[in-house]
Amino acid sequence: MGWLEYYKLEPWGEAPAYWRNAMLASITANAHRSKGPVFKMEDFIPDFLKPKPKKQTTEDHKNALVGLFEWAKRKGLAKEKGQ
């Protein structure tokens, strides 16, 4: 087994440590909060380690609108053209 395979099984270094500490920090913060939004692990992770959001394409937008229209048709809120 090479180092890369071993790292995938048992990661080491600062990135896994940030995630472990973020888990503990979010648990502690949520245990001591009175009201307001719930803290997530991502709230305690440095920006350079946060997952990057996927860029939406026009195909993604089209699929979302088609899905919304299909849902509206099933609910009786929209009609096909010519109806």
Protein backbone atom coordinates (compact mmCIF):
# COMPACT_ATOMS: atom_id res chain seq x y z
CA MET A 1 0.00 0.00 0.00
CA GLY A 2 1.37 3.38 -1.00
CA TRP A 3 1.19 6.62 0.95
CA LEU A 4 -1.72 7.97 -1.07
CA GLU A 5 -3.85 4.91 -0.39
CA TYR A 6 -2.93 5.04 3.30
CA TYR A 7 -3.83 8.77 3.48
CA LYS A 8 -7.28 8.01 2.01
CA LEU A 9 -7.84 5.50 4.83
CA GLU A 10 -6.22 7.46 7.68
CA PRO A 11 -5.76 11.15 6.78
CA TRP A 12 -3.16 13.10 8.74
CA GLY A 13 -2.08 16.72 8.88
CA GLU A 14 -3.88 19.98 9.49
CA ALA A 15 -7.02 19.52 7.34
CA PRO A 16 -8.41 16.57 9.36
CA ALA A 17 -7.46 18.38 12.57
CA TYR A 18 -9.46 21.45 11.49
CA TRP A 19 -12.54 19.26 10.89
CA ARG A 20 -12.18 17.48 14.25
CA ASN A 21 -11.84 20.78 16.07
CA ALA A 22 -14.75 22.26 14.12
CA MET A 23 -16.94 19.37 15.25
CA LEU A 24 -16.04 19.98 18.89
CA ALA A 25 -16.47 23.74 18.55
CA SER A 26 -19.92 23.42 16.95
CA ILE A 27 -21.08 20.97 19.64
CA THR A 28 -19.84 23.29 22.39
CA ALA A 29 -21.31 26.41 20.77
CA ASN A 30 -24.70 24.74 20.24
CA ALA A 31 -24.76 23.45 23.82
CA HIS A 32 -24.26 26.98 25.14
CA ARG A 33 -26.40 29.00 22.75
CA SER A 34 -29.72 30.36 23.97
CA LYS A 35 -31.56 31.23 20.76
CA GLY A 36 -30.75 31.86 17.16
CA PRO A 37 -29.46 29.72 14.34
CA VAL A 38 -27.76 26.41 14.97
CA PHE A 39 -24.00 26.43 14.44
CA LYS A 40 -22.63 24.07 11.79
CA MET A 41 -19.16 22.60 11.54
CA GLU A 42 -18.52 24.77 8.47
CA ASP A 43 -18.90 27.87 10.68
CA PHE A 44 -15.62 26.95 12.36
CA ILE A 45 -13.59 25.95 9.29
CA PRO A 46 -11.15 28.38 7.60
CA ASP A 47 -12.37 29.55 4.19
CA PHE A 48 -9.55 27.83 2.31
CA LEU A 49 -10.77 24.42 3.52
CA LYS A 50 -14.49 24.91 2.88
CA PRO A 51 -15.93 22.95 -0.04
CA LYS A 52 -16.40 25.11 -3.12
CA PRO A 53 -20.00 25.38 -4.36
CA LYS A 54 -20.66 23.84 -7.76
CA LYS A 55 -21.10 26.38 -10.55
CA GLN A 56 -24.58 26.16 -12.04
CA THR A 57 -24.91 25.76 -15.77
CA THR A 58 -27.78 26.77 -18.03
CA GLU A 59 -28.63 23.07 -18.21
CA ASP A 60 -29.02 23.04 -14.40
CA HIS A 61 -31.35 26.05 -14.62
CA LYS A 62 -33.37 24.42 -17.39
CA ASN A 63 -33.75 21.18 -15.41
CA ALA A 64 -34.88 23.10 -12.33
CA LEU A 65 -37.54 25.01 -14.30
CA VAL A 66 -38.77 21.86 -16.05
CA GLY A 67 -39.04 20.11 -12.69
CA LEU A 68 -40.92 23.06 -11.20
CA PHE A 69 -43.32 23.12 -14.16
CA GLU A 70 -43.94 19.36 -13.89
CA TRP A 71 -44.69 19.75 -10.17
CA ALA A 72 -47.08 22.65 -10.88
CA LYS A 73 -48.88 20.56 -13.53
CA ARG A 74 -49.35 17.68 -11.07
CA LYS A 75 -50.80 20.11 -8.51
CA GLY A 76 -53.12 21.66 -11.11
CA LEU A 77 -51.35 25.01 -10.90
CA ALA A 78 -50.09 25.08 -14.50
CA LYS A 79 -51.39 23.96 -17.87
CA GLU A 80 -49.73 22.90 -21.09
CA LYS A 81 -49.60 25.46 -23.90
CA GLY A 82 -52.87 25.49 -25.84
CA GLN A 83 -55.04 24.17 -22.98
